[in-house]
PDB file of N, CA and C in Angstrom:
ATOM      1  N   UNK A   1     135.121 104.854 106.290  1.00  0.00           N
ATOM      2  CA  UNK A   1     134.992 104.462 107.691  1.00  0.00           C
ATOM      3  C   UNK A   1     134.971 105.703 108.581  1.00  0.00           C
ATOM      4  N   UNK A   2     134.109 105.672 109.590  1.00  0.00           N
ATOM      5  CA  UNK A   2     134.062 106.806 110.510  1.00  0.00           C
ATOM      6  C   UNK A   2     135.303 106.835 111.398  1.00  0.00           C
ATOM      7  N   UNK A   3     135.816 108.027 111.610  1.00  0.00           N
ATOM      8  CA  UNK A   3     137.043 108.167 112.393  1.00  0.00           C
ATOM      9  C   UNK A   3     136.794 108.577 113.839  1.00  0.00           C
ATOM     10  N   UNK A   4     135.852 109.447 114.058  1.00  0.00           N
ATOM     11  CA  UNK A   4     135.613 109.929 115.415  1.00  0.00           C
ATOM     12  C   UNK A   4     134.578 109.067 116.124  1.00  0.00           C
ATOM     13  N   UNK A   5     134.570 109.226 117.467  1.00  0.00           N
ATOM     14  CA  UNK A   5     133.631 108.465 118.279  1.00  0.00           C
ATOM     15  C   UNK A   5     132.195 108.789 117.906  1.00  0.00           C
ATOM     16  N   UNK A   6     131.917 110.066 117.720  1.00  0.00           N
ATOM     17  CA  UNK A   6     130.556 110.504 117.405  1.00  0.00           C
ATOM     18  C   UNK A   6     130.115 109.978 116.036  1.00  0.00           C
ATOM     19  N   UNK A   7     131.056 109.899 115.094  1.00  0.00           N
ATOM     20  CA  UNK A   7     130.738 109.383 113.757  1.00  0.00           C
ATOM     21  C   UNK A   7     130.409 107.893 113.825  1.00  0.00           C
ATOM     22  N   UNK A   8     131.119 107.168 114.671  1.00  0.00           N
ATOM     23  CA  UNK A   8     130.861 105.736 114.854  1.00  0.00           C
ATOM     24  C   UNK A   8     129.468 105.530 115.420  1.00  0.00           C
ATOM     25  N   UNK A   9     129.110 106.341 116.436  1.00  0.00           N
ATOM     26  CA  UNK A   9     127.777 106.258 117.033  1.00  0.00           C
ATOM     27  C   UNK A   9     126.704 106.622 116.012  1.00  0.00           C
ATOM     28  N   UNK A  10     127.013 107.617 115.216  1.00  0.00           N
ATOM     29  CA  UNK A  10     126.071 108.077 114.187  1.00  0.00           C
ATOM     30  C   UNK A  10     125.773 106.956 113.177  1.00  0.00           C
ATOM     31  N   UNK A  11     126.807 106.218 112.794  1.00  0.00           N
ATOM     32  CA  UNK A  11     126.638 105.103 111.856  1.00  0.00           C
ATOM     33  C   UNK A  11     125.677 104.067 112.436  1.00  0.00           C
ATOM     34  N   UNK A  12     125.862 103.761 113.744  1.00  0.00           N
ATOM     35  CA  UNK A  12     124.982 102.806 114.407  1.00  0.00           C
ATOM     36  C   UNK A  12     123.540 103.314 114.427  1.00  0.00           C
ATOM     37  N   UNK A  13     123.401 104.591 114.726  1.00  0.00           N
ATOM     38  CA  UNK A  13     122.076 105.204 114.813  1.00  0.00           C
ATOM     39  C   UNK A  13     121.367 105.207 113.451  1.00  0.00           C
ATOM     40  N   UNK A  14     122.104 105.558 112.410  1.00  0.00           N
ATOM     41  CA  UNK A  14     121.536 105.605 111.062  1.00  0.00           C
ATOM     42  C   UNK A  14     121.088 104.214 110.623  1.00  0.00           C
ATOM     43  N   UNK A  15     121.860 103.203 110.999  1.00  0.00           N
ATOM     44  CA  UNK A  15     121.505 101.825 110.655  1.00  0.00           C
ATOM     45  C   UNK A  15     120.152 101.453 111.253  1.00  0.00           C
ATOM     46  N   UNK A  16     119.950 101.803 112.530  1.00  0.00           N
ATOM     47  CA  UNK A  16     118.678 101.515 113.201  1.00  0.00           C
ATOM     48  C   UNK A  16     117.538 102.313 112.571  1.00  0.00           C
ATOM     49  N   UNK A  17     117.792 103.578 112.277  1.00  0.00           N
ATOM     50  CA  UNK A  17     116.769 104.438 111.685  1.00  0.00           C
ATOM     51  C   UNK A  17     116.349 103.929 110.308  1.00  0.00           C
ATOM     52  N   UNK A  18     117.333 103.498 109.523  1.00  0.00           N
ATOM     53  CA  UNK A  18     117.055 102.967 108.185  1.00  0.00           C
ATOM     54  C   UNK A  18     116.153 101.747 108.279  1.00  0.00           C
ATOM     55  N   UNK A  19     116.459 100.886 109.236  1.00  0.00           N
ATOM     56  CA  UNK A  19     115.677  99.674 109.430  1.00  0.00           C
ATOM     57  C   UNK A  19     114.224 100.010 109.791  1.00  0.00           C
ATOM     58  N   UNK A  20     114.051 100.954 110.724  1.00  0.00           N
ATOM     59  CA  UNK A  20     112.693 101.355 111.131  1.00  0.00           C
ATOM     60  C   UNK A  20     111.948 101.985 109.979  1.00  0.00           C
ATOM     61  N   UNK A  21     112.628 102.843 109.217  1.00  0.00           N
ATOM     62  CA  UNK A  21     111.990 103.508 108.090  1.00  0.00           C
ATOM     63  C   UNK A  21     111.560 102.506 107.020  1.00  0.00           C
ATOM     64  N   UNK A  22     112.356 101.475 106.801  1.00  0.00           N
ATOM     65  CA  UNK A  22     111.995 100.436 105.831  1.00  0.00           C
ATOM     66  C   UNK A  22     110.720  99.717 106.264  1.00  0.00           C
ATOM     67  N   UNK A  23     110.645  99.409 107.548  1.00  0.00           N
ATOM     68  CA  UNK A  23     109.456  98.736 108.081  1.00  0.00           C
ATOM     69  C   UNK A  23     108.231  99.620 107.891  1.00  0.00           C
ATOM     70  N   UNK A  24     108.373 100.903 108.216  1.00  0.00           N
ATOM     71  CA  UNK A  24     107.255 101.837 108.082  1.00  0.00           C
ATOM     72  C   UNK A  24     106.831 101.989 106.626  1.00  0.00           C
ATOM     73  N   UNK A  25     107.801 102.078 105.733  1.00  0.00           N
ATOM     74  CA  UNK A  25     107.487 102.261 104.312  1.00  0.00           C
ATOM     75  C   UNK A  25     106.768 101.030 103.754  1.00  0.00           C
ATOM     76  N   UNK A  26     107.198  99.843 104.156  1.00  0.00           N
ATOM     77  CA  UNK A  26     106.543  98.629 103.665  1.00  0.00           C
ATOM     78  C   UNK A  26     105.129  98.533 104.237  1.00  0.00           C
ATOM     79  N   UNK A  27     104.943  98.977 105.481  1.00  0.00           N
ATOM     80  CA  UNK A  27     103.617  99.009 106.101  1.00  0.00           C
ATOM     81  C   UNK A  27     102.689  99.921 105.295  1.00  0.00           C
ATOM     82  N   UNK A  28     103.223 101.053 104.877  1.00  0.00           N
ATOM     83  CA  UNK A  28     102.504 102.044 104.075  1.00  0.00           C
ATOM     84  C   UNK A  28     102.105 101.466 102.715  1.00  0.00           C
ATOM     85  N   UNK A  29     103.065 100.841 102.048  1.00  0.00           N
ATOM     86  CA  UNK A  29     102.809 100.261 100.733  1.00  0.00           C
ATOM     87  C   UNK A  29     101.797  99.119 100.817  1.00  0.00           C
ATOM     88  N   UNK A  30     101.929  98.286 101.864  1.00  0.00           N
ATOM     89  CA  UNK A  30     100.996  97.171 102.035  1.00  0.00           C
ATOM     90  C   UNK A  30      99.572  97.663 102.262  1.00  0.00           C
ATOM     91  N   UNK A  31      99.433  98.749 103.017  1.00  0.00           N
ATOM     92  CA  UNK A  31      98.106  99.309 103.285  1.00  0.00           C
ATOM     93  C   UNK A  31      97.465  99.785 101.984  1.00  0.00           C
ATOM     94  N   UNK A  32      98.250 100.445 101.143  1.00  0.00           N
ATOM     95  CA  UNK A  32      97.744 100.941  99.858  1.00  0.00           C
ATOM     96  C   UNK A  32      97.343  99.771  98.956  1.00  0.00           C
ATOM     97  N   UNK A  33      98.198  98.750  98.883  1.00  0.00           N
ATOM     98  CA  UNK A  33      97.893  97.584  98.051  1.00  0.00           C
ATOM     99  C   UNK A  33      96.631  96.875  98.541  1.00  0.00           C
ATOM    100  N   UNK A  34      96.515  96.734  99.856  1.00  0.00           N
ATOM    101  CA  UNK A  34      95.355  96.071 100.437  1.00  0.00           C
ATOM    102  C   UNK A  34      94.074  96.829 100.087  1.00  0.00           C
ATOM    103  N   UNK A  35      94.138  98.154 100.168  1.00  0.00           N
ATOM    104  CA  UNK A  35      92.959  98.964  99.861  1.00  0.00           C
ATOM    105  C   UNK A  35      92.601  98.844  98.382  1.00  0.00           C
ATOM    106  N   UNK A  36      93.594  98.827  97.498  1.00  0.00           N
ATOM    107  CA  UNK A  36      93.330  98.668  96.065  1.00  0.00           C
ATOM    108  C   UNK A  36      92.664  97.335  95.778  1.00  0.00           C
ATOM    109  N   UNK A  37      93.122  96.291  96.446  1.00  0.00           N
ATOM    110  CA  UNK A  37      92.528  94.960  96.277  1.00  0.00           C
ATOM    111  C   UNK A  37      91.064  94.978  96.718  1.00  0.00           C
ATOM    112  N   UNK A  38      90.803  95.618  97.855  1.00  0.00           N
ATOM    113  CA  UNK A  38      89.426  95.689  98.357  1.00  0.00           C
ATOM    114  C   UNK A  38      88.529  96.491  97.426  1.00  0.00           C
ATOM    115  N   UNK A  39      89.071  97.569  96.859  1.00  0.00           N
ATOM    116  CA  UNK A  39      88.283  98.387  95.934  1.00  0.00           C
ATOM    117  C   UNK A  39      87.947  97.592  94.673  1.00  0.00           C
ATOM    118  N   UNK A  40      88.920  96.819  94.174  1.00  0.00           N
ATOM    119  CA  UNK A  40      88.670  95.999  92.985  1.00  0.00           C
ATOM    120  C   UNK A  40      87.634  94.911  93.267  1.00  0.00           C
ATOM    121  N   UNK A  41      87.651  94.374  94.494  1.00  0.00           N
ATOM    122  CA  UNK A  41      86.692  93.318  94.837  1.00  0.00           C
ATOM    123  C   UNK A  41      85.276  93.870  95.026  1.00  0.00           C
ATOM    124  N   UNK A  42      85.182  95.174  95.213  1.00  0.00           N
ATOM    125  CA  UNK A  42      83.895  95.870  95.365  1.00  0.00           C
ATOM    126  C   UNK A  42      83.070  95.362  96.540  1.00  0.00           C
ATOM    127  N   UNK A  43      83.736  94.929  97.593  1.00  0.00           N
ATOM    128  CA  UNK A  43      83.050  94.491  98.806  1.00  0.00           C
ATOM    129  C   UNK A  43      82.943  95.692  99.755  1.00  0.00           C
ATOM    130  N   UNK A  44      81.787  96.341  99.731  1.00  0.00           N
ATOM    131  CA  UNK A  44      81.578  97.597 100.474  1.00  0.00           C
ATOM    132  C   UNK A  44      81.793  97.438 101.973  1.00  0.00           C
ATOM    133  N   UNK A  45      81.345  96.315 102.533  1.00  0.00           N
ATOM    134  CA  UNK A  45      81.456  96.102 103.976  1.00  0.00           C
ATOM    135  C   UNK A  45      82.920  96.041 104.415  1.00  0.00           C
ATOM    136  N   UNK A  46      83.725  95.293 103.658  1.00  0.00           N
ATOM    137  CA  UNK A  46      85.148  95.165 103.996  1.00  0.00           C
ATOM    138  C   UNK A  46      85.870  96.498 103.829  1.00  0.00           C
ATOM    139  N   UNK A  47      85.499  97.231 102.789  1.00  0.00           N
ATOM    140  CA  UNK A  47      86.120  98.538 102.543  1.00  0.00           C
ATOM    141  C   UNK A  47      85.812  99.484 103.702  1.00  0.00           C
ATOM    142  N   UNK A  48      84.554  99.521 104.125  1.00  0.00           N
ATOM    143  CA  UNK A  48      84.138 100.393 105.238  1.00  0.00           C
ATOM    144  C   UNK A  48      84.877 100.041 106.521  1.00  0.00           C
ATOM    145  N   UNK A  49      85.102  98.739 106.746  1.00  0.00           N
ATOM    146  CA  UNK A  49      85.819  98.305 107.947  1.00  0.00           C
ATOM    147  C   UNK A  49      87.301  98.639 107.886  1.00  0.00           C
ATOM    148  N   UNK A  50      87.895  98.524 106.705  1.00  0.00           N
ATOM    149  CA  UNK A  50      89.345  98.714 106.568  1.00  0.00           C
ATOM    150  C   UNK A  50      89.753 100.181 106.430  1.00  0.00           C
ATOM    151  N   UNK A  51      88.844 101.024 105.946  1.00  0.00           N
ATOM    152  CA  UNK A  51      89.187 102.421 105.656  1.00  0.00           C
ATOM    153  C   UNK A  51      89.764 103.191 106.860  1.00  0.00           C
ATOM    154  N   UNK A  52      89.164 103.105 108.068  1.00  0.00           N
ATOM    155  CA  UNK A  52      89.762 103.821 109.214  1.00  0.00           C
ATOM    156  C   UNK A  52      91.174 103.345 109.544  1.00  0.00           C
ATOM    157  N   UNK A  53      91.391 102.044 109.433  1.00  0.00           N
ATOM    158  CA  UNK A  53      92.724 101.485 109.690  1.00  0.00           C
ATOM    159  C   UNK A  53      93.710 101.983 108.635  1.00  0.00           C
ATOM    160  N   UNK A  54      93.244 102.028 107.390  1.00  0.00           N
ATOM    161  CA  UNK A  54      94.048 102.524 106.266  1.00  0.00           C
ATOM    162  C   UNK A  54      94.495 103.968 106.526  1.00  0.00           C
ATOM    163  N   UNK A  55      93.538 104.803 106.929  1.00  0.00           N
ATOM    164  CA  UNK A  55      93.834 106.204 107.240  1.00  0.00           C
ATOM    165  C   UNK A  55      94.854 106.299 108.366  1.00  0.00           C
ATOM    166  N   UNK A  56      94.639 105.510 109.388  1.00  0.00           N
ATOM    167  CA  UNK A  56      95.507 105.518 110.560  1.00  0.00           C
ATOM    168  C   UNK A  56      96.946 105.164 110.189  1.00  0.00           C
ATOM    169  N   UNK A  57      97.108 104.107 109.410  1.00  0.00           N
ATOM    170  CA  UNK A  57      98.447 103.667 108.999  1.00  0.00           C
ATOM    171  C   UNK A  57      99.148 104.759 108.201  1.00  0.00           C
ATOM    172  N   UNK A  58      98.443 105.337 107.235  1.00  0.00           N
ATOM    173  CA  UNK A  58      99.041 106.376 106.392  1.00  0.00           C
ATOM    174  C   UNK A  58      99.448 107.597 107.203  1.00  0.00           C
ATOM    175  N   UNK A  59      98.620 108.008 108.139  1.00  0.00           N
ATOM    176  CA  UNK A  59      98.946 109.185 108.935  1.00  0.00           C
ATOM    177  C   UNK A  59     100.070 108.910 109.933  1.00  0.00           C
ATOM    178  N   UNK A  60     100.152 107.687 110.440  1.00  0.00           N
ATOM    179  CA  UNK A  60     101.258 107.322 111.337  1.00  0.00           C
ATOM    180  C   UNK A  60     102.583 107.412 110.599  1.00  0.00           C
ATOM    181  N   UNK A  61     102.594 106.885 109.382  1.00  0.00           N
ATOM    182  CA  UNK A  61     103.815 106.902 108.574  1.00  0.00           C
ATOM    183  C   UNK A  61     104.188 108.344 108.215  1.00  0.00           C
ATOM    184  N   UNK A  62     103.180 109.151 107.902  1.00  0.00           N
ATOM    185  CA  UNK A  62     103.419 110.556 107.560  1.00  0.00           C
ATOM    186  C   UNK A  62     103.948 111.310 108.775  1.00  0.00           C
ATOM    187  N   UNK A  63     103.407 111.003 109.941  1.00  0.00           N
ATOM    188  CA  UNK A  63     103.813 111.668 111.177  1.00  0.00           C
ATOM    189  C   UNK A  63     105.286 111.411 111.480  1.00  0.00           C
ATOM    190  N   UNK A  64     105.748 110.204 111.180  1.00  0.00           N
ATOM    191  CA  UNK A  64     107.143 109.858 111.448  1.00  0.00           C
ATOM    192  C   UNK A  64     108.091 110.448 110.411  1.00  0.00           C
ATOM    193  N   UNK A  65     107.545 110.956 109.297  1.00  0.00           N
ATOM    194  CA  UNK A  65     108.384 111.629 108.307  1.00  0.00           C
ATOM    195  C   UNK A  65     108.893 110.744 107.185  1.00  0.00           C
ATOM    196  N   UNK A  66     108.481 109.506 107.171  1.00  0.00           N
ATOM    197  CA  UNK A  66     108.914 108.599 106.109  1.00  0.00           C
ATOM    198  C   UNK A  66     108.291 109.022 104.785  1.00  0.00           C
ATOM    199  N   UNK A  67     107.019 109.415 104.852  1.00  0.00           N
ATOM    200  CA  UNK A  67     106.288 109.905 103.692  1.00  0.00           C
ATOM    201  C   UNK A  67     105.765 111.289 104.057  1.00  0.00           C
ATOM    202  N   UNK A  68     105.732 112.181 103.085  1.00  0.00           N
ATOM    203  CA  UNK A  68     105.234 113.526 103.334  1.00  0.00           C
ATOM    204  C   UNK A  68     103.765 113.491 103.746  1.00  0.00           C
ATOM    205  N   UNK A  69     103.385 114.385 104.652  1.00  0.00           N
ATOM    206  CA  UNK A  69     102.014 114.423 105.157  1.00  0.00           C
ATOM    207  C   UNK A  69     101.010 114.695 104.043  1.00  0.00           C
ATOM    208  N   UNK A  70     101.385 115.572 103.119  1.00  0.00           N
ATOM    209  CA  UNK A  70     100.490 115.906 102.016  1.00  0.00           C
ATOM    210  C   UNK A  70     100.293 114.715 101.084  1.00  0.00           C
ATOM    211  N   UNK A  71     101.328 113.924 100.902  1.00  0.00           N
ATOM    212  CA  UNK A  71     101.234 112.725 100.066  1.00  0.00           C
ATOM    213  C   UNK A  71     100.239 111.745 100.678  1.00  0.00           C
ATOM    214  N   UNK A  72     100.360 111.532 101.984  1.00  0.00           N
ATOM    215  CA  UNK A  72      99.455 110.613 102.672  1.00  0.00           C
ATOM    216  C   UNK A  72      98.015 111.117 102.586  1.00  0.00           C
ATOM    217  N   UNK A  73      97.836 112.417 102.779  1.00  0.00           N
ATOM    218  CA  UNK A  73      96.495 113.000 102.703  1.00  0.00           C
ATOM    219  C   UNK A  73      95.900 112.848 101.313  1.00  0.00           C
ATOM    220  N   UNK A  74      96.739 113.031 100.299  1.00  0.00           N
ATOM    221  CA  UNK A  74      96.282 112.886  98.913  1.00  0.00           C
ATOM    222  C   UNK A  74      95.835 111.458  98.642  1.00  0.00           C
ATOM    223  N   UNK A  75      96.614 110.491  99.117  1.00  0.00           N
ATOM    224  CA  UNK A  75      96.258 109.076  98.937  1.00  0.00           C
ATOM    225  C   UNK A  75      94.922 108.769  99.594  1.00  0.00           C
ATOM    226  N   UNK A  76      94.741 109.251 100.824  1.00  0.00           N
ATOM    227  CA  UNK A  76      93.503 109.016 101.565  1.00  0.00           C
ATOM    228  C   UNK A  76      92.331 109.649 100.811  1.00  0.00           C
ATOM    229  N   UNK A  77      92.532 110.875 100.326  1.00  0.00           N
ATOM    230  CA  UNK A  77      91.478 111.589  99.624  1.00  0.00           C
ATOM    231  C   UNK A  77      91.058 110.862  98.357  1.00  0.00           C
ATOM    232  N   UNK A  78      92.012 110.398  97.599  1.00  0.00           N
ATOM    233  CA  UNK A  78      91.705 109.713  96.329  1.00  0.00           C
ATOM    234  C   UNK A  78      90.984 108.392  96.574  1.00  0.00           C
ATOM    235  N   UNK A  79      91.389 107.697  97.625  1.00  0.00           N
ATOM    236  CA  UNK A  79      90.729 106.433  97.949  1.00  0.00           C
ATOM    237  C   UNK A  79      89.294 106.698  98.403  1.00  0.00           C
ATOM    238  N   UNK A  80      89.106 107.748  99.211  1.00  0.00           N
ATOM    239  CA  UNK A  80      87.750 108.040  99.687  1.00  0.00           C
ATOM    240  C   UNK A  80      86.833 108.461  98.538  1.00  0.00           C
ATOM    241  N   UNK A  81      87.387 109.070  97.506  1.00  0.00           N
ATOM    242  CA  UNK A  81      86.593 109.410  96.309  1.00  0.00           C
ATOM    243  C   UNK A  81      86.143 108.136  95.592  1.00  0.00           C
ATOM    244  N   UNK A  82      87.035 107.143  95.534  1.00  0.00           N
ATOM    245  CA  UNK A  82      86.708 105.884  94.859  1.00  0.00           C
ATOM    246  C   UNK A  82      85.610 105.126  95.603  1.00  0.00           C
ATOM    247  N   UNK A  83      85.608 105.274  96.909  1.00  0.00           N
ATOM    248  CA  UNK A  83      84.596 104.602  97.729  1.00  0.00           C
ATOM    249  C   UNK A  83      83.286 105.314  97.512  1.00  0.00           C
TER     250      UNK A  83
END
């Protein structure tokens, strides 16, 4: 248990941060899964429409620090090669 006032506030802050990070991470994972599904379906039109959104989601998550920027870039690069 936190003893000082600042430690108590810190616990509250970490709880909120953890919650936000979980949301961001699930958003990231869902984007990757969605793109894999589209690639397997081989529907070029849907892939072309979703790709910019996919990039945007990955870079937003990377910008917030939940996932490393290089990891997000690597994922985007590999997907663009598959397309």
